[in-house]
Structures are given as C-alpha cells and as structure tokens.
Amino acid sequence: MALAHAHATLGAAAITLLVAYPLLDAVSSAVDCLSVSDGAERRVTAFNGALSTPVAVGFGVAGSTHEVSAVLGVFGVWAVVSGAAQVAVGIRRRGPELAGQWPMLVAGGLSFVVGVFYDIQAAGHQPPLDVLSVYATGGGIFFIVQAGLPAWKARRGAAQPA
C-alpha cells in the first residue's frame, strides 16, 4: 500500500519500495523452504526465492534510469517467470493434492497474465507506474492469507475431538 502513495514519480521512495518487495519475497521463500518437504513445491519456492534476489537488483538498476517502462518491464518478466513456475508445479500435482494447490494455481496464473500485461504496457507510450501498486497490494493480501492458513488449519485441527 505504501507503493500506492509513492507511485506518482519514480523517486527514491518508489525505488526503495520496489527493491524491498522482491527482497521480502526472497526472505519469505527461504523461510518457506525450511517448512516445505522435499518435492516440487519446495523446488518452486527455492526457485522463486533465487529469482527474487536478481530482480531486486534489476529494480535498482531500472529505477536508476528513472524510466517507468524499464521498471514495469522488469516487474512483468518477474511476474511471468515466477507465475509460470507456480502454475507448472500446481498442474503437475494431480489427484487429491490438487485441491490443496488451488491458491498456487490461481496466484501463478494471475501473476503470469498480469506480467504479460505489464510487459505490453512497458512497450507502450507513457506506461503507468500505478499498476504496480495494485499488484503489490494484491500480492500482500494473498501473502497474509497464505501465512495465516497453516495457523488456522492447526487451530481447527486442535479443536476437533480425537
């Protein structure tokens, strides 16, 4: 939400927030990797974390040009690649586990589509920076929901009689 207030120009506040966003994603991916068992989900989590660090550098470099199109292009590529990885993992999981993968499929699919849209906008005339605040806000809300689900499931499981 702070990006929404800093999006009018590509100043120091906006660049700082843009660099911080993938760094937070990298840290949260590292934490998630510790809690996820081996398998495709752990690999995509590690991949997303590894991808987020160079994206932060990319935002810093793109932001230093003060070109919205450069920043939007970096964001679009990041969203496409990470979204495609999430969808691939979600689709590979078949059977009963697939029901538990709907958040990953939805988030990955939306990320992919929005990333393509951002890259198209970046190639256009005077691309808007404010579209990133919508993505970041939606991502933040999704992150909070995902972080709260394990606690909610654990509480619900503890409340059921044995």
C-alpha atoms as a PDB file:
ATOM      1  CA  MET A   1       0.000   0.000   0.000  1.00  0.00           C
ATOM      2  CA  ALA A   2       2.933   2.297   0.570  1.00  0.00           C
ATOM      3  CA  LEU A   3       3.796   1.940  -3.113  1.00  0.00           C
ATOM      4  CA  ALA A   4       0.422   3.426  -3.995  1.00  0.00           C
ATOM      5  CA  HIS A   5       1.479   6.667  -2.304  1.00  0.00           C
ATOM      6  CA  ALA A   6       4.968   6.644  -3.851  1.00  0.00           C
ATOM      7  CA  HIS A   7       3.953   5.852  -7.432  1.00  0.00           C
ATOM      8  CA  ALA A   8       3.406   9.384  -8.745  1.00  0.00           C
ATOM      9  CA  THR A   9       7.073   9.641  -9.678  1.00  0.00           C
ATOM     10  CA  LEU A  10       9.900   7.169  -9.830  1.00  0.00           C
ATOM     11  CA  GLY A  11      11.727   8.760  -6.935  1.00  0.00           C
ATOM     12  CA  ALA A  12      13.807   7.336  -4.132  1.00  0.00           C
ATOM     13  CA  ALA A  13      10.769   6.166  -2.109  1.00  0.00           C
ATOM     14  CA  ALA A  14       9.267   4.242  -5.031  1.00  0.00           C
ATOM     15  CA  ILE A  15      12.622   2.691  -5.973  1.00  0.00           C
ATOM     16  CA  THR A  16      13.266   1.667  -2.365  1.00  0.00           C
ATOM     17  CA  LEU A  17       9.857   0.005  -2.147  1.00  0.00           C
ATOM     18  CA  LEU A  18      10.352  -1.714  -5.492  1.00  0.00           C
ATOM     19  CA  VAL A  19      13.713  -3.126  -4.390  1.00  0.00           C
ATOM     20  CA  ALA A  20      12.332  -4.143  -0.980  1.00  0.00           C
ATOM     21  CA  TYR A  21       9.382  -6.075  -2.473  1.00  0.00           C
ATOM     22  CA  PRO A  22      11.415  -8.866  -4.118  1.00  0.00           C
ATOM     23  CA  LEU A  23      13.871  -8.926  -1.218  1.00  0.00           C
ATOM     24  CA  LEU A  24      10.978  -9.642   1.156  1.00  0.00           C
ATOM     25  CA  ASP A  25       9.818 -12.309  -1.267  1.00  0.00           C
ATOM     26  CA  ALA A  26      13.297 -13.868  -1.257  1.00  0.00           C
ATOM     27  CA  VAL A  27      13.401 -13.947   2.548  1.00  0.00           C
ATOM     28  CA  SER A  28       9.887 -15.393   2.840  1.00  0.00           C
ATOM     29  CA  SER A  29      10.754 -18.021   0.212  1.00  0.00           C
ATOM     30  CA  ALA A  30      13.818 -19.011   2.229  1.00  0.00           C
ATOM     31  CA  VAL A  31      11.684 -19.382   5.354  1.00  0.00           C
ATOM     32  CA  ASP A  32       9.057 -21.367   3.409  1.00  0.00           C
ATOM     33  CA  CYS A  33      11.752 -23.692   2.051  1.00  0.00           C
ATOM     34  CA  LEU A  34      12.569 -24.728   5.586  1.00  0.00           C
ATOM     35  CA  SER A  35       8.965 -25.690   6.289  1.00  0.00           C
ATOM     36  CA  VAL A  36       8.142 -27.456   2.992  1.00  0.00           C
ATOM     37  CA  SER A  37       9.059 -31.090   2.495  1.00  0.00           C
ATOM     38  CA  ASP A  38      11.190 -32.096  -0.470  1.00  0.00           C
ATOM     39  CA  GLY A  39       9.427 -32.100  -3.786  1.00  0.00           C
ATOM     40  CA  ALA A  40       8.099 -29.832  -6.485  1.00  0.00           C
ATOM     41  CA  GLU A  41       6.651 -27.271  -4.064  1.00  0.00           C
ATOM     42  CA  ARG A  42       9.990 -26.862  -2.336  1.00  0.00           C
ATOM     43  CA  ARG A  43      11.796 -26.513  -5.663  1.00  0.00           C
ATOM     44  CA  VAL A  44       9.441 -23.793  -6.916  1.00  0.00           C
ATOM     45  CA  THR A  45       9.720 -21.989  -3.583  1.00  0.00           C
ATOM     46  CA  ALA A  46      13.514 -22.098  -3.818  1.00  0.00           C
ATOM     47  CA  PHE A  47      13.360 -21.015  -7.463  1.00  0.00           C
ATOM     48  CA  ASN A  48      11.138 -18.040  -6.619  1.00  0.00           C
ATOM     49  CA  GLY A  49      13.474 -17.015  -3.818  1.00  0.00           C
ATOM     50  CA  ALA A  50      16.529 -17.315  -6.044  1.00  0.00           C
ATOM     51  CA  LEU A  51      14.767 -15.368  -8.798  1.00  0.00           C
ATOM     52  CA  SER A  52      13.710 -12.562  -6.448  1.00  0.00           C
ATOM     53  CA  THR A  53      17.228 -11.504  -5.485  1.00  0.00           C
ATOM     54  CA  PRO A  54      18.413 -10.574  -9.008  1.00  0.00           C
ATOM     55  CA  VAL A  55      15.015  -8.964  -9.610  1.00  0.00           C
ATOM     56  CA  ALA A  56      15.707  -6.628  -6.674  1.00  0.00           C
ATOM     57  CA  VAL A  57      18.995  -5.676  -8.338  1.00  0.00           C
ATOM     58  CA  GLY A  58      17.119  -5.240 -11.622  1.00  0.00           C
ATOM     59  CA  PHE A  59      14.676  -2.868  -9.958  1.00  0.00           C
ATOM     60  CA  GLY A  60      17.551  -0.853  -8.565  1.00  0.00           C
ATOM     61  CA  VAL A  61      19.198  -0.583 -11.980  1.00  0.00           C
ATOM     62  CA  ALA A  62      15.910   0.082 -13.824  1.00  0.00           C
ATOM     63  CA  GLY A  63      14.875   2.614 -11.182  1.00  0.00           C
ATOM     64  CA  SER A  64      18.154   4.480 -11.508  1.00  0.00           C
ATOM     65  CA  THR A  65      17.233   5.235 -15.135  1.00  0.00           C
ATOM     66  CA  HIS A  66      14.013   6.865 -13.879  1.00  0.00           C
ATOM     67  CA  GLU A  67      12.237   5.161 -16.776  1.00  0.00           C
ATOM     68  CA  VAL A  68       8.877   3.699 -15.788  1.00  0.00           C
ATOM     69  CA  SER A  69       8.989   1.408 -18.823  1.00  0.00           C
ATOM     70  CA  ALA A  70      12.210  -0.209 -17.564  1.00  0.00           C
ATOM     71  CA  VAL A  71      10.764  -0.822 -14.101  1.00  0.00           C
ATOM     72  CA  LEU A  72       7.478  -2.109 -15.490  1.00  0.00           C
ATOM     73  CA  GLY A  73       9.363  -4.406 -17.872  1.00  0.00           C
ATOM     74  CA  VAL A  74      11.434  -5.928 -15.044  1.00  0.00           C
ATOM     75  CA  PHE A  75       8.299  -6.419 -12.965  1.00  0.00           C
ATOM     76  CA  GLY A  76       6.497  -8.017 -15.913  1.00  0.00           C
ATOM     77  CA  VAL A  77       9.277 -10.514 -16.616  1.00  0.00           C
ATOM     78  CA  TRP A  78       9.468 -11.403 -12.922  1.00  0.00           C
ATOM     79  CA  ALA A  79       5.708 -11.954 -12.750  1.00  0.00           C
ATOM     80  CA  VAL A  80       5.674 -14.099 -15.917  1.00  0.00           C
ATOM     81  CA  VAL A  81       8.575 -16.352 -14.881  1.00  0.00           C
ATOM     82  CA  SER A  82       7.511 -16.851 -11.264  1.00  0.00           C
ATOM     83  CA  GLY A  83       3.858 -17.283 -12.255  1.00  0.00           C
ATOM     84  CA  ALA A  84       4.731 -19.898 -14.865  1.00  0.00           C
ATOM     85  CA  ALA A  85       6.771 -21.829 -12.276  1.00  0.00           C
ATOM     86  CA  GLN A  86       3.861 -21.805  -9.812  1.00  0.00           C
ATOM     87  CA  VAL A  87       1.366 -22.965 -12.433  1.00  0.00           C
ATOM     88  CA  ALA A  88       3.708 -25.740 -13.592  1.00  0.00           C
ATOM     89  CA  VAL A  89       4.010 -27.101 -10.054  1.00  0.00           C
ATOM     90  CA  GLY A  90       0.281 -26.806  -9.415  1.00  0.00           C
ATOM     91  CA  ILE A  91      -0.585 -28.641 -12.641  1.00  0.00           C
ATOM     92  CA  ARG A  92       1.955 -31.418 -12.013  1.00  0.00           C
ATOM     93  CA  ARG A  93       0.222 -32.244  -8.755  1.00  0.00           C
ATOM     94  CA  ARG A  94      -2.655 -34.495  -9.664  1.00  0.00           C
ATOM     95  CA  GLY A  95      -5.214 -36.299  -7.577  1.00  0.00           C
ATOM     96  CA  PRO A  96      -6.220 -35.345  -4.050  1.00  0.00           C
ATOM     97  CA  GLU A  97      -3.276 -32.980  -3.597  1.00  0.00           C
ATOM     98  CA  LEU A  98      -4.514 -30.755  -6.421  1.00  0.00           C
ATOM     99  CA  ALA A  99      -7.307 -29.398  -4.243  1.00  0.00           C
ATOM    100  CA  GLY A 100      -4.674 -28.016  -1.867  1.00  0.00           C
ATOM    101  CA  GLN A 101      -2.851 -26.359  -4.749  1.00  0.00           C
ATOM    102  CA  TRP A 102      -5.626 -24.004  -5.871  1.00  0.00           C
ATOM    103  CA  PRO A 103      -4.014 -20.944  -4.229  1.00  0.00           C
ATOM    104  CA  MET A 104      -0.754 -21.638  -6.085  1.00  0.00           C
ATOM    105  CA  LEU A 105      -2.585 -22.175  -9.384  1.00  0.00           C
ATOM    106  CA  VAL A 106      -4.654 -19.006  -9.021  1.00  0.00           C
ATOM    107  CA  ALA A 107      -1.737 -16.851  -7.874  1.00  0.00           C
ATOM    108  CA  GLY A 108       0.600 -18.239 -10.513  1.00  0.00           C
ATOM    109  CA  GLY A 109      -1.943 -17.861 -13.299  1.00  0.00           C
ATOM    110  CA  LEU A 110      -2.782 -14.301 -12.316  1.00  0.00           C
ATOM    111  CA  SER A 111       0.884 -13.428 -11.967  1.00  0.00           C
ATOM    112  CA  PHE A 112       1.620 -14.781 -15.441  1.00  0.00           C
ATOM    113  CA  VAL A 113      -1.261 -12.918 -17.093  1.00  0.00           C
ATOM    114  CA  VAL A 114      -0.550  -9.660 -15.276  1.00  0.00           C
ATOM    115  CA  GLY A 115       3.159  -9.964 -16.105  1.00  0.00           C
ATOM    116  CA  VAL A 116       2.365 -10.238 -19.818  1.00  0.00           C
ATOM    117  CA  PHE A 117       0.076  -7.221 -19.477  1.00  0.00           C
ATOM    118  CA  TYR A 118       2.838  -5.220 -17.744  1.00  0.00           C
ATOM    119  CA  ASP A 119       5.363  -6.098 -20.443  1.00  0.00           C
ATOM    120  CA  ILE A 120       2.902  -4.957 -23.120  1.00  0.00           C
ATOM    121  CA  GLN A 121       2.349  -1.712 -21.209  1.00  0.00           C
ATOM    122  CA  ALA A 122       6.109  -1.222 -20.778  1.00  0.00           C
ATOM    123  CA  ALA A 123       6.497  -1.264 -24.558  1.00  0.00           C
ATOM    124  CA  GLY A 124       3.774   1.343 -24.990  1.00  0.00           C
ATOM    125  CA  HIS A 125       3.753   5.105 -24.795  1.00  0.00           C
ATOM    126  CA  GLN A 126       3.890   6.527 -21.237  1.00  0.00           C
ATOM    127  CA  PRO A 127       3.280   3.353 -19.236  1.00  0.00           C
ATOM    128  CA  PRO A 128       1.686   3.916 -15.824  1.00  0.00           C
ATOM    129  CA  LEU A 129       3.591   3.031 -12.668  1.00  0.00           C
ATOM    130  CA  ASP A 130       0.468   2.938 -10.513  1.00  0.00           C
ATOM    131  CA  VAL A 131      -0.484  -0.521 -11.847  1.00  0.00           C
ATOM    132  CA  LEU A 132       2.321  -1.951  -9.730  1.00  0.00           C
ATOM    133  CA  SER A 133       0.657  -0.765  -6.537  1.00  0.00           C
ATOM    134  CA  VAL A 134      -2.406  -2.843  -7.403  1.00  0.00           C
ATOM    135  CA  TYR A 135      -0.247  -5.943  -7.943  1.00  0.00           C
ATOM    136  CA  ALA A 136       1.786  -5.339  -4.790  1.00  0.00           C
ATOM    137  CA  THR A 137      -1.348  -4.804  -2.705  1.00  0.00           C
ATOM    138  CA  GLY A 138      -2.982  -7.951  -4.080  1.00  0.00           C
ATOM    139  CA  GLY A 139       0.234  -9.887  -3.518  1.00  0.00           C
ATOM    140  CA  GLY A 140       0.459  -8.603   0.041  1.00  0.00           C
ATOM    141  CA  ILE A 141      -3.100  -9.656   0.813  1.00  0.00           C
ATOM    142  CA  PHE A 142      -2.504 -13.081  -0.734  1.00  0.00           C
ATOM    143  CA  PHE A 143       0.735 -13.415   1.273  1.00  0.00           C
ATOM    144  CA  ILE A 144      -1.092 -12.635   4.532  1.00  0.00           C
ATOM    145  CA  VAL A 145      -3.817 -15.178   3.728  1.00  0.00           C
ATOM    146  CA  GLN A 146      -1.241 -17.846   2.845  1.00  0.00           C
ATOM    147  CA  ALA A 147       0.711 -17.130   6.025  1.00  0.00           C
ATOM    148  CA  GLY A 148      -2.440 -17.432   8.132  1.00  0.00           C
ATOM    149  CA  LEU A 149      -3.762 -20.670   6.607  1.00  0.00           C
ATOM    150  CA  PRO A 150      -1.383 -23.046   8.437  1.00  0.00           C
ATOM    151  CA  ALA A 151      -2.251 -21.459  11.792  1.00  0.00           C
ATOM    152  CA  TRP A 152      -5.971 -21.601  11.008  1.00  0.00           C
ATOM    153  CA  LYS A 153      -5.729 -25.268   9.945  1.00  0.00           C
ATOM    154  CA  ALA A 154      -3.719 -26.152  13.058  1.00  0.00           C
ATOM    155  CA  ARG A 155      -6.231 -24.393  15.329  1.00  0.00           C
ATOM    156  CA  ARG A 156      -9.139 -26.080  13.552  1.00  0.00           C
ATOM    157  CA  GLY A 157      -7.443 -29.491  13.865  1.00  0.00           C
ATOM    158  CA  ALA A 158      -6.761 -28.966  17.575  1.00  0.00           C
ATOM    159  CA  ALA A 159     -10.398 -28.023  18.190  1.00  0.00           C
ATOM    160  CA  GLN A 160     -11.740 -31.271  16.695  1.00  0.00           C
ATOM    161  CA  PRO A 161     -12.261 -34.174  19.101  1.00  0.00           C
ATOM    162  CA  ALA A 162      -9.847 -37.087  18.777  1.00  0.00           C
END
